[in-house]
């Protein structure tokens, strides 16, 4: 049964544009979004997206570029937020982008912050957990961690944009990844049409 609630985490890997485009799609689709940033994610957003002062005032509306009245920003150092408990039901969690450090902690069951704890809850409660990983090349340690996460039930969704829709810019490219993440939590945004093979 759908709850209309989604948990979203943004970590410090490069690629905050993926998070921004994902929020643009998720905000109209869900009644409530519980959002956690890592400290590094705030700094990366300032650098990559040109958002001065964002680390001091991480307003999701600035990141998404639209009003976000249904987004609740959580303190990543606090466990006194609903997603830290298995008794709080929701439709899944998307970590976008997901750093390899975050993936490693989740794979090892180390819940040393709210992001890792909320992900651990998704695994133990068998709820969708989508990790939009952003790293290249991948070391053997990375691959083993991602294998462990897949075996535990998570979806590893590399931030690999598609090109068949002839993207016209960075936002179009990021949308192809954000749309795939949305599909994993039950929505298929019309902004990125599915690929259809056509004979020449």
N, C-alpha and C. Protein backbone atom coordinates (compact mmCIF):
# COMPACT_ATOMS: atom_id res chain seq x y z
N UNK A 1 0.84 -1.19 0.00
CA UNK A 1 0.00 0.00 0.00
C UNK A 1 0.88 1.24 0.00
N UNK A 2 0.61 2.15 -0.92
CA UNK A 2 1.40 3.37 -1.01
C UNK A 2 1.06 4.31 0.14
N UNK A 3 2.08 4.99 0.65
CA UNK A 3 1.90 5.93 1.76
C UNK A 3 1.98 7.37 1.30
N UNK A 4 2.56 7.62 0.14
CA UNK A 4 2.77 8.99 -0.31
C UNK A 4 3.96 9.65 0.35
N UNK A 5 4.79 8.84 1.04
CA UNK A 5 5.97 9.38 1.71
C UNK A 5 7.24 8.82 1.07
N UNK A 6 8.25 9.66 0.93
CA UNK A 6 9.53 9.25 0.37
C UNK A 6 10.65 9.82 1.22
N UNK A 7 11.70 9.02 1.40
CA UNK A 7 12.91 9.48 2.08
C UNK A 7 13.97 9.73 1.02
N UNK A 8 14.61 10.88 1.09
CA UNK A 8 15.65 11.24 0.13
C UNK A 8 16.89 11.69 0.89
N UNK A 9 18.04 11.22 0.45
CA UNK A 9 19.31 11.67 1.04
C UNK A 9 20.23 12.14 -0.07
N UNK A 10 20.96 13.19 0.21
CA UNK A 10 21.93 13.76 -0.73
C UNK A 10 23.28 13.74 -0.03
N UNK A 11 24.24 13.00 -0.60
CA UNK A 11 25.55 12.90 0.03
C UNK A 11 26.57 13.69 -0.78
N UNK A 12 27.82 13.61 -0.35
CA UNK A 12 28.84 14.52 -0.87
C UNK A 12 29.52 14.12 -2.16
N UNK A 13 29.03 13.10 -2.85
CA UNK A 13 29.61 12.77 -4.15
C UNK A 13 29.32 13.89 -5.14
N UNK A 14 30.18 14.03 -6.12
CA UNK A 14 29.90 14.99 -7.19
C UNK A 14 28.64 14.56 -7.92
N UNK A 15 27.86 15.55 -8.36
CA UNK A 15 26.63 15.24 -9.08
C UNK A 15 25.38 15.71 -8.38
N UNK A 16 25.47 16.84 -7.68
CA UNK A 16 24.29 17.37 -7.00
C UNK A 16 23.18 17.71 -7.97
N UNK A 17 23.53 17.92 -9.24
CA UNK A 17 22.51 18.20 -10.25
C UNK A 17 21.51 17.05 -10.33
N UNK A 18 21.96 15.83 -10.09
CA UNK A 18 21.03 14.70 -10.10
C UNK A 18 19.99 14.84 -8.99
N UNK A 19 20.44 15.27 -7.82
CA UNK A 19 19.52 15.47 -6.70
C UNK A 19 18.53 16.58 -7.00
N UNK A 20 19.02 17.67 -7.60
CA UNK A 20 18.15 18.80 -7.92
C UNK A 20 17.05 18.38 -8.90
N UNK A 21 17.44 17.66 -9.93
CA UNK A 21 16.45 17.24 -10.93
C UNK A 21 15.50 16.18 -10.37
N UNK A 22 16.02 15.32 -9.49
CA UNK A 22 15.16 14.32 -8.86
C UNK A 22 14.10 14.99 -7.99
N UNK A 23 14.51 15.98 -7.20
CA UNK A 23 13.54 16.68 -6.35
C UNK A 23 12.46 17.35 -7.18
N UNK A 24 12.83 17.91 -8.34
CA UNK A 24 11.83 18.54 -9.21
C UNK A 24 10.75 17.54 -9.62
N UNK A 25 11.14 16.29 -9.79
CA UNK A 25 10.17 15.26 -10.17
C UNK A 25 9.42 14.71 -8.96
N UNK A 26 10.11 14.59 -7.84
CA UNK A 26 9.52 13.93 -6.67
C UNK A 26 8.54 14.82 -5.91
N UNK A 27 8.81 16.12 -5.85
CA UNK A 27 7.97 17.01 -5.05
C UNK A 27 6.50 16.96 -5.48
N UNK A 28 6.17 17.00 -6.78
CA UNK A 28 4.75 16.90 -7.15
C UNK A 28 4.16 15.50 -7.00
N UNK A 29 5.03 14.49 -6.88
CA UNK A 29 4.55 13.11 -6.89
C UNK A 29 4.24 12.56 -5.50
N UNK A 30 4.85 13.14 -4.47
CA UNK A 30 4.70 12.60 -3.11
C UNK A 30 4.06 13.64 -2.19
N UNK A 31 3.29 13.13 -1.23
CA UNK A 31 2.67 14.02 -0.24
C UNK A 31 3.71 14.57 0.73
N UNK A 32 4.65 13.73 1.13
CA UNK A 32 5.69 14.14 2.07
C UNK A 32 7.04 13.59 1.61
N UNK A 33 8.06 14.42 1.70
CA UNK A 33 9.42 14.00 1.41
C UNK A 33 10.29 14.35 2.61
N UNK A 34 10.98 13.35 3.14
CA UNK A 34 11.88 13.54 4.27
C UNK A 34 13.29 13.58 3.72
N UNK A 35 13.93 14.73 3.82
CA UNK A 35 15.20 14.99 3.13
C UNK A 35 16.33 15.20 4.11
N UNK A 36 17.44 14.50 3.87
CA UNK A 36 18.65 14.68 4.67
C UNK A 36 19.82 14.97 3.75
N UNK A 37 20.59 16.00 4.11
CA UNK A 37 21.83 16.31 3.40
C UNK A 37 23.00 15.90 4.29
N UNK A 38 24.08 15.43 3.69
CA UNK A 38 25.31 15.35 4.45
C UNK A 38 25.97 16.73 4.41
N UNK A 39 26.89 16.98 5.36
CA UNK A 39 27.58 18.27 5.38
C UNK A 39 28.32 18.50 4.06
N UNK A 40 28.96 17.45 3.56
CA UNK A 40 29.70 17.58 2.31
C UNK A 40 28.76 17.87 1.14
N UNK A 41 27.55 17.32 1.17
CA UNK A 41 26.60 17.58 0.09
C UNK A 41 26.26 19.06 -0.02
N UNK A 42 26.15 19.73 1.10
CA UNK A 42 25.84 21.15 1.09
C UNK A 42 26.96 21.94 0.44
N UNK A 43 28.20 21.57 0.75
CA UNK A 43 29.34 22.26 0.17
C UNK A 43 29.44 21.99 -1.33
N UNK A 44 29.17 20.75 -1.72
CA UNK A 44 29.23 20.40 -3.14
C UNK A 44 28.13 21.14 -3.91
N UNK A 45 26.96 21.27 -3.32
CA UNK A 45 25.87 22.00 -3.97
C UNK A 45 26.26 23.46 -4.22
N UNK A 46 26.88 24.06 -3.23
CA UNK A 46 27.34 25.44 -3.40
C UNK A 46 28.30 25.54 -4.58
N UNK A 47 29.23 24.61 -4.65
CA UNK A 47 30.27 24.64 -5.67
C UNK A 47 29.72 24.32 -7.05
N UNK A 48 28.99 23.21 -7.17
CA UNK A 48 28.58 22.72 -8.49
C UNK A 48 27.39 23.46 -9.08
N UNK A 49 26.46 23.90 -8.22
CA UNK A 49 25.24 24.51 -8.72
C UNK A 49 25.22 26.02 -8.56
N UNK A 50 26.30 26.56 -7.97
CA UNK A 50 26.34 28.01 -7.80
C UNK A 50 25.28 28.52 -6.86
N UNK A 51 25.21 27.92 -5.66
CA UNK A 51 24.22 28.31 -4.66
C UNK A 51 24.92 28.90 -3.45
N UNK A 52 25.32 30.14 -3.50
CA UNK A 52 26.04 30.73 -2.36
C UNK A 52 25.19 30.73 -1.10
N UNK A 53 25.80 30.37 0.04
CA UNK A 53 25.11 30.36 1.31
C UNK A 53 24.22 29.16 1.53
N UNK A 54 24.24 28.21 0.60
CA UNK A 54 23.35 27.06 0.73
C UNK A 54 23.69 26.20 1.93
N UNK A 55 24.96 26.10 2.28
CA UNK A 55 25.36 25.29 3.43
C UNK A 55 24.76 25.84 4.72
N UNK A 56 24.62 27.16 4.80
CA UNK A 56 24.06 27.78 6.00
C UNK A 56 22.54 27.74 6.01
N UNK A 57 21.93 27.74 4.82
CA UNK A 57 20.47 27.73 4.71
C UNK A 57 20.07 26.80 3.57
N UNK A 58 20.03 25.49 3.85
CA UNK A 58 19.77 24.50 2.78
C UNK A 58 18.30 24.38 2.41
N UNK A 59 17.77 25.43 1.86
CA UNK A 59 16.37 25.46 1.45
C UNK A 59 16.18 24.57 0.22
N UNK A 60 15.40 23.50 0.31
CA UNK A 60 15.24 22.61 -0.85
C UNK A 60 14.62 23.31 -2.06
N UNK A 61 13.88 24.38 -1.84
CA UNK A 61 13.29 25.11 -2.97
C UNK A 61 14.38 25.72 -3.85
N UNK A 62 15.48 26.15 -3.25
CA UNK A 62 16.59 26.68 -4.04
C UNK A 62 17.24 25.57 -4.86
N UNK A 63 17.32 24.40 -4.28
CA UNK A 63 17.94 23.28 -4.98
C UNK A 63 17.05 22.79 -6.13
N UNK A 64 15.77 22.63 -5.85
CA UNK A 64 14.84 22.08 -6.85
C UNK A 64 14.37 23.11 -7.86
N UNK A 65 14.43 24.39 -7.49
CA UNK A 65 13.95 25.42 -8.39
C UNK A 65 12.44 25.52 -8.45
N UNK A 66 11.78 25.04 -7.39
CA UNK A 66 10.32 25.16 -7.30
C UNK A 66 9.92 25.09 -5.83
N UNK A 67 8.71 25.55 -5.47
CA UNK A 67 8.28 25.49 -4.07
C UNK A 67 8.26 24.05 -3.56
N UNK A 68 8.69 23.88 -2.32
CA UNK A 68 8.77 22.54 -1.73
C UNK A 68 8.06 22.50 -0.37
N UNK A 69 6.76 22.80 -0.33
CA UNK A 69 6.07 22.84 0.96
C UNK A 69 5.96 21.47 1.63
N UNK A 70 6.11 20.42 0.87
CA UNK A 70 5.95 19.06 1.41
C UNK A 70 7.29 18.40 1.74
N UNK A 71 8.38 19.17 1.69
CA UNK A 71 9.71 18.63 1.99
C UNK A 71 10.11 19.01 3.41
N UNK A 72 10.44 18.00 4.20
CA UNK A 72 10.88 18.21 5.58
C UNK A 72 12.37 17.91 5.66
N UNK A 73 13.17 18.93 5.94
CA UNK A 73 14.62 18.76 6.03
C UNK A 73 14.98 18.23 7.41
N UNK A 74 15.76 17.16 7.44
CA UNK A 74 16.14 16.51 8.69
C UNK A 74 17.61 16.74 9.01
N UNK A 75 17.93 16.76 10.28
CA UNK A 75 19.31 16.87 10.74
C UNK A 75 19.97 15.50 10.60
N UNK A 76 21.01 15.37 9.75
CA UNK A 76 21.61 14.05 9.54
C UNK A 76 22.33 13.50 10.77
N UNK A 77 22.53 14.34 11.78
CA UNK A 77 23.20 13.87 13.00
C UNK A 77 22.21 13.35 14.03
N UNK A 78 20.92 13.55 13.78
CA UNK A 78 19.91 13.19 14.77
C UNK A 78 19.15 11.94 14.34
N UNK A 79 18.91 11.07 15.30
CA UNK A 79 18.12 9.87 15.04
C UNK A 79 16.66 10.06 15.44
N UNK A 80 16.31 11.27 15.88
CA UNK A 80 14.94 11.54 16.30
C UNK A 80 14.11 12.08 15.14
N UNK A 81 14.18 11.36 14.03
CA UNK A 81 13.36 11.65 12.85
C UNK A 81 12.67 10.37 12.45
N UNK A 82 11.46 10.45 11.90
CA UNK A 82 10.69 9.24 11.60
C UNK A 82 11.42 8.16 10.81
N UNK A 83 12.20 8.49 9.74
CA UNK A 83 12.82 7.41 8.96
C UNK A 83 13.84 6.57 9.71
N UNK A 84 14.22 6.97 10.92
CA UNK A 84 15.16 6.18 11.70
C UNK A 84 14.50 4.97 12.35
N UNK A 85 13.18 4.90 12.28
CA UNK A 85 12.45 3.81 12.92
C UNK A 85 11.74 2.94 11.89
N UNK A 86 11.80 1.64 12.09
CA UNK A 86 11.10 0.72 11.21
C UNK A 86 9.60 0.82 11.31
N UNK A 87 9.09 1.40 12.39
CA UNK A 87 7.64 1.52 12.54
C UNK A 87 7.06 2.65 11.69
N UNK A 88 7.92 3.49 11.14
CA UNK A 88 7.48 4.58 10.27
C UNK A 88 7.46 4.05 8.83
N UNK A 89 6.28 3.95 8.26
CA UNK A 89 6.16 3.39 6.92
C UNK A 89 6.30 4.48 5.85
N UNK A 90 6.90 4.09 4.76
CA UNK A 90 7.07 5.01 3.62
C UNK A 90 7.26 4.17 2.36
N UNK A 91 7.37 4.83 1.23
CA UNK A 91 7.42 4.14 -0.06
C UNK A 91 8.83 3.83 -0.53
N UNK A 92 9.83 4.21 0.25
CA UNK A 92 11.20 3.89 -0.13
C UNK A 92 12.14 5.06 0.12
N UNK A 93 13.40 4.80 -0.16
CA UNK A 93 14.45 5.79 0.06
C UNK A 93 15.35 5.85 -1.16
N UNK A 94 15.69 7.07 -1.57
CA UNK A 94 16.61 7.29 -2.68
C UNK A 94 17.78 8.12 -2.17
N UNK A 95 18.98 7.62 -2.36
CA UNK A 95 20.20 8.36 -2.01
C UNK A 95 20.81 8.82 -3.33
N UNK A 96 20.79 10.14 -3.56
CA UNK A 96 21.15 10.68 -4.86
C UNK A 96 21.88 12.00 -4.73
N UNK A 97 23.15 12.12 -5.08
CA UNK A 97 24.03 11.02 -5.41
C UNK A 97 24.47 10.29 -4.14
N UNK A 98 24.93 9.07 -4.31
CA UNK A 98 25.39 8.26 -3.18
C UNK A 98 26.90 8.11 -3.27
N UNK A 99 27.60 8.62 -2.28
CA UNK A 99 29.06 8.49 -2.25
C UNK A 99 29.45 7.05 -1.94
N UNK A 100 30.65 6.68 -2.31
CA UNK A 100 31.12 5.33 -2.00
C UNK A 100 31.33 5.15 -0.50
N UNK A 101 31.63 6.23 0.21
CA UNK A 101 31.72 6.13 1.67
C UNK A 101 30.39 5.78 2.29
N UNK A 102 29.32 6.43 1.81
CA UNK A 102 27.98 6.11 2.31
C UNK A 102 27.60 4.69 1.95
N UNK A 103 27.86 4.28 0.71
CA UNK A 103 27.54 2.92 0.29
C UNK A 103 28.28 1.90 1.15
N UNK A 104 29.55 2.19 1.45
CA UNK A 104 30.34 1.27 2.27
C UNK A 104 29.80 1.13 3.68
N UNK A 105 29.38 2.25 4.26
CA UNK A 105 28.83 2.19 5.62
C UNK A 105 27.53 1.40 5.65
N UNK A 106 26.67 1.63 4.65
CA UNK A 106 25.41 0.89 4.61
C UNK A 106 25.67 -0.60 4.40
N UNK A 107 26.60 -0.92 3.51
CA UNK A 107 26.92 -2.33 3.23
C UNK A 107 27.45 -3.04 4.47
N UNK A 108 28.16 -2.29 5.31
CA UNK A 108 28.74 -2.88 6.52
C UNK A 108 27.80 -2.81 7.71
N UNK A 109 26.63 -2.20 7.55
CA UNK A 109 25.68 -2.08 8.65
C UNK A 109 26.09 -1.08 9.69
N UNK A 110 26.88 -0.07 9.28
CA UNK A 110 27.35 0.95 10.22
C UNK A 110 26.42 2.15 10.16
N UNK A 111 25.52 2.26 11.10
CA UNK A 111 24.53 3.34 11.11
C UNK A 111 25.03 4.50 11.96
N UNK A 112 26.05 5.18 11.44
CA UNK A 112 26.67 6.25 12.22
C UNK A 112 26.09 7.62 11.95
N UNK A 113 25.05 7.70 11.12
CA UNK A 113 24.32 8.94 10.90
C UNK A 113 22.91 8.60 10.44
N UNK A 114 22.08 9.59 10.29
CA UNK A 114 20.68 9.34 9.95
C UNK A 114 20.53 8.71 8.57
N UNK A 115 21.38 9.12 7.62
CA UNK A 115 21.29 8.57 6.27
C UNK A 115 21.52 7.06 6.29
N UNK A 116 22.61 6.65 6.94
CA UNK A 116 22.93 5.22 7.01
C UNK A 116 21.88 4.45 7.80
N UNK A 117 21.38 5.05 8.88
CA UNK A 117 20.35 4.38 9.68
C UNK A 117 19.06 4.21 8.89
N UNK A 118 18.62 5.26 8.20
CA UNK A 118 17.39 5.17 7.41
C UNK A 118 17.53 4.13 6.31
N UNK A 119 18.71 4.04 5.71
CA UNK A 119 18.95 3.02 4.69
C UNK A 119 18.92 1.62 5.31
N UNK A 120 19.51 1.49 6.47
CA UNK A 120 19.52 0.20 7.16
C UNK A 120 18.09 -0.24 7.47
N UNK A 121 17.26 0.71 7.86
CA UNK A 121 15.85 0.41 8.13
C UNK A 121 15.16 -0.10 6.86
N UNK A 122 15.45 0.53 5.72
CA UNK A 122 14.84 0.07 4.47
C UNK A 122 15.22 -1.37 4.18
N UNK A 123 16.48 -1.73 4.40
CA UNK A 123 16.91 -3.10 4.13
C UNK A 123 16.24 -4.09 5.05
N UNK A 124 16.18 -3.76 6.34
CA UNK A 124 15.61 -4.72 7.29
C UNK A 124 14.10 -4.84 7.15
N UNK A 125 13.46 -3.76 6.70
CA UNK A 125 12.00 -3.78 6.54
C UNK A 125 11.58 -4.15 5.12
N UNK A 126 12.58 -4.44 4.26
CA UNK A 126 12.33 -4.84 2.87
C UNK A 126 11.57 -3.76 2.10
N UNK A 127 12.02 -2.52 2.28
CA UNK A 127 11.47 -1.40 1.51
C UNK A 127 12.46 -1.00 0.42
N UNK A 128 11.97 -0.37 -0.64
CA UNK A 128 12.89 0.02 -1.72
C UNK A 128 13.99 0.95 -1.21
N UNK A 129 15.21 0.63 -1.58
CA UNK A 129 16.37 1.46 -1.29
C UNK A 129 17.15 1.61 -2.59
N UNK A 130 17.23 2.83 -3.10
CA UNK A 130 17.86 3.10 -4.38
C UNK A 130 19.11 3.95 -4.14
N UNK A 131 20.25 3.45 -4.57
CA UNK A 131 21.51 4.16 -4.41
C UNK A 131 22.00 4.62 -5.78
N UNK A 132 21.94 5.92 -6.01
CA UNK A 132 22.42 6.48 -7.29
C UNK A 132 23.90 6.80 -7.10
N UNK A 133 24.72 5.80 -7.38
CA UNK A 133 26.15 5.93 -7.10
C UNK A 133 26.84 6.74 -8.19
N UNK A 134 27.86 7.50 -7.77
CA UNK A 134 28.53 8.41 -8.69
C UNK A 134 30.04 8.32 -8.41
N UNK A 135 30.68 7.35 -9.06
CA UNK A 135 32.13 7.17 -8.91
C UNK A 135 32.67 6.44 -10.12
N UNK A 136 33.87 6.77 -10.51
CA UNK A 136 34.53 6.04 -11.60
C UNK A 136 36.03 6.32 -11.54
N UNK A 137 36.88 5.33 -11.76
CA UNK A 137 36.55 3.91 -11.88
C UNK A 137 36.18 3.33 -10.52
N UNK A 138 35.69 2.11 -10.53
CA UNK A 138 35.31 1.44 -9.29
C UNK A 138 36.41 0.49 -8.84
N UNK A 139 36.77 0.59 -7.57
CA UNK A 139 37.75 -0.34 -7.02
C UNK A 139 37.07 -1.66 -6.65
N UNK A 140 37.89 -2.66 -6.32
CA UNK A 140 37.33 -3.94 -5.89
C UNK A 140 36.53 -3.77 -4.60
N UNK A 141 36.97 -2.88 -3.71
CA UNK A 141 36.22 -2.60 -2.48
C UNK A 141 34.84 -2.06 -2.82
N UNK A 142 34.80 -1.11 -3.75
CA UNK A 142 33.50 -0.56 -4.17
C UNK A 142 32.60 -1.66 -4.72
N UNK A 143 33.15 -2.47 -5.61
CA UNK A 143 32.35 -3.52 -6.24
C UNK A 143 31.82 -4.52 -5.23
N UNK A 144 32.63 -4.86 -4.25
CA UNK A 144 32.17 -5.80 -3.23
C UNK A 144 31.08 -5.18 -2.37
N UNK A 145 31.24 -3.90 -2.04
CA UNK A 145 30.19 -3.24 -1.26
C UNK A 145 28.88 -3.16 -2.04
N UNK A 146 28.97 -2.83 -3.33
CA UNK A 146 27.76 -2.73 -4.14
C UNK A 146 27.12 -4.10 -4.35
N UNK A 147 27.94 -5.14 -4.44
CA UNK A 147 27.39 -6.50 -4.53
C UNK A 147 26.65 -6.86 -3.25
N UNK A 148 27.26 -6.54 -2.10
CA UNK A 148 26.61 -6.83 -0.82
C UNK A 148 25.29 -6.09 -0.70
N UNK A 149 25.24 -4.85 -1.16
CA UNK A 149 24.01 -4.07 -1.09
C UNK A 149 22.94 -4.66 -2.01
N UNK A 150 23.35 -5.09 -3.19
CA UNK A 150 22.39 -5.71 -4.10
C UNK A 150 21.85 -7.01 -3.51
N UNK A 151 22.73 -7.80 -2.93
CA UNK A 151 22.30 -9.05 -2.30
C UNK A 151 21.35 -8.80 -1.13
N UNK A 152 21.51 -7.65 -0.46
CA UNK A 152 20.66 -7.32 0.67
C UNK A 152 19.31 -6.74 0.24
N UNK A 153 19.17 -6.45 -1.05
CA UNK A 153 17.89 -5.97 -1.55
C UNK A 153 17.87 -4.56 -2.09
N UNK A 154 19.00 -3.84 -2.02
CA UNK A 154 19.05 -2.48 -2.55
C UNK A 154 19.14 -2.51 -4.07
N UNK A 155 18.77 -1.40 -4.69
CA UNK A 155 18.96 -1.20 -6.12
C UNK A 155 20.13 -0.26 -6.31
N UNK A 156 21.16 -0.72 -6.98
CA UNK A 156 22.31 0.12 -7.30
C UNK A 156 22.08 0.70 -8.69
N UNK A 157 21.92 2.01 -8.74
CA UNK A 157 21.56 2.70 -9.98
C UNK A 157 22.67 3.70 -10.31
N UNK A 158 23.66 3.28 -11.09
CA UNK A 158 24.75 4.21 -11.42
C UNK A 158 24.24 5.45 -12.14
N UNK A 159 24.84 6.57 -11.86
CA UNK A 159 24.45 7.83 -12.50
C UNK A 159 25.01 7.85 -13.92
N UNK A 160 24.40 7.03 -14.77
CA UNK A 160 24.83 6.89 -16.17
C UNK A 160 23.74 7.45 -17.08
N UNK A 161 23.88 8.69 -17.52
CA UNK A 161 22.84 9.29 -18.36
C UNK A 161 22.68 8.54 -19.68
N UNK A 162 21.48 8.61 -20.25
CA UNK A 162 21.24 8.03 -21.56
C UNK A 162 21.19 9.15 -22.60
N UNK A 163 21.40 8.76 -23.85
CA UNK A 163 21.55 9.76 -24.91
C UNK A 163 20.56 9.57 -26.06
N UNK A 164 19.69 8.55 -25.98
CA UNK A 164 18.81 8.27 -27.11
C UNK A 164 17.76 9.34 -27.32
N UNK A 165 17.49 10.16 -26.29
CA UNK A 165 16.52 11.25 -26.45
C UNK A 165 17.15 12.55 -26.94
N UNK A 166 18.44 12.46 -27.31
CA UNK A 166 19.17 13.62 -27.82
C UNK A 166 19.11 14.80 -26.86
N UNK A 167 19.65 14.63 -25.64
CA UNK A 167 19.62 15.70 -24.63
C UNK A 167 20.28 16.97 -25.14
N UNK A 168 19.68 18.09 -24.75
CA UNK A 168 20.17 19.39 -25.21
C UNK A 168 21.07 20.09 -24.21
N UNK A 169 21.22 19.52 -23.02
CA UNK A 169 22.06 20.16 -22.01
C UNK A 169 22.20 19.29 -20.78
N UNK A 170 22.86 19.84 -19.76
CA UNK A 170 23.14 19.07 -18.54
C UNK A 170 21.86 18.65 -17.84
N UNK A 171 20.88 19.55 -17.77
CA UNK A 171 19.63 19.20 -17.08
C UNK A 171 18.94 18.02 -17.78
N UNK A 172 18.94 18.02 -19.10
CA UNK A 172 18.32 16.92 -19.84
C UNK A 172 19.04 15.60 -19.54
N UNK A 173 20.36 15.65 -19.47
CA UNK A 173 21.12 14.44 -19.15
C UNK A 173 20.80 13.96 -17.74
N UNK A 174 20.80 14.89 -16.78
CA UNK A 174 20.52 14.52 -15.39
C UNK A 174 19.10 13.98 -15.25
N UNK A 175 18.17 14.50 -16.04
CA UNK A 175 16.79 14.04 -15.97
C UNK A 175 16.67 12.55 -16.32
N UNK A 176 17.52 12.05 -17.20
CA UNK A 176 17.42 10.64 -17.57
C UNK A 176 17.75 9.74 -16.38
N UNK A 177 18.68 10.18 -15.54
CA UNK A 177 19.03 9.42 -14.34
C UNK A 177 17.96 9.60 -13.27
N UNK A 178 17.52 10.83 -13.06
CA UNK A 178 16.49 11.10 -12.05
C UNK A 178 15.20 10.34 -12.37
N UNK A 179 14.85 10.27 -13.63
CA UNK A 179 13.64 9.56 -14.02
C UNK A 179 13.75 8.06 -13.74
N UNK A 180 14.95 7.49 -13.95
CA UNK A 180 15.14 6.07 -13.63
C UNK A 180 14.99 5.82 -12.13
N UNK A 181 15.50 6.76 -11.33
CA UNK A 181 15.35 6.62 -9.88
C UNK A 181 13.88 6.73 -9.47
N UNK A 182 13.15 7.66 -10.10
CA UNK A 182 11.72 7.79 -9.81
C UNK A 182 10.97 6.51 -10.17
N UNK A 183 11.36 5.89 -11.26
CA UNK A 183 10.70 4.65 -11.68
C UNK A 183 10.85 3.57 -10.62
N UNK A 184 11.99 3.55 -9.93
CA UNK A 184 12.24 2.54 -8.90
C UNK A 184 11.34 2.72 -7.68
N UNK A 185 10.79 3.91 -7.49
CA UNK A 185 9.88 4.13 -6.36
C UNK A 185 8.44 4.34 -6.83
N UNK A 186 8.15 3.82 -8.04
CA UNK A 186 6.77 3.72 -8.46
C UNK A 186 6.23 4.77 -9.39
N UNK A 187 7.09 5.65 -9.93
CA UNK A 187 6.63 6.70 -10.83
C UNK A 187 7.46 6.71 -12.11
N UNK A 188 6.83 7.03 -13.21
CA UNK A 188 7.54 7.18 -14.48
C UNK A 188 7.26 8.58 -15.02
N UNK A 189 8.15 9.53 -14.75
CA UNK A 189 7.92 10.91 -15.18
C UNK A 189 7.83 11.02 -16.71
N UNK A 190 6.89 11.80 -17.18
CA UNK A 190 6.70 11.97 -18.62
C UNK A 190 7.82 12.80 -19.25
N UNK A 191 8.63 13.47 -18.41
CA UNK A 191 9.66 14.34 -18.94
C UNK A 191 10.70 13.57 -19.74
N UNK A 192 10.86 12.27 -19.44
CA UNK A 192 11.81 11.44 -20.20
C UNK A 192 11.03 10.26 -20.79
N UNK A 193 10.68 10.33 -22.06
CA UNK A 193 9.91 9.23 -22.65
C UNK A 193 10.74 7.96 -22.73
N UNK A 194 10.10 6.79 -22.60
CA UNK A 194 10.84 5.53 -22.68
C UNK A 194 11.40 5.31 -24.08
N UNK A 195 12.51 4.60 -24.13
CA UNK A 195 13.13 4.29 -25.41
C UNK A 195 12.26 3.33 -26.20
N UNK A 196 12.11 3.62 -27.48
CA UNK A 196 11.36 2.73 -28.35
C UNK A 196 12.19 2.50 -29.61
N UNK A 197 12.38 1.24 -29.94
CA UNK A 197 13.16 0.93 -31.11
C UNK A 197 12.33 1.16 -32.37
N UNK A 198 12.93 1.83 -33.30
CA UNK A 198 12.25 2.06 -34.57
C UNK A 198 13.23 1.71 -35.69
N UNK A 199 12.79 0.92 -36.63
CA UNK A 199 13.66 0.58 -37.74
C UNK A 199 13.84 1.79 -38.65
N UNK A 200 15.04 1.99 -39.16
CA UNK A 200 15.26 3.16 -40.04
C UNK A 200 14.47 3.05 -41.33
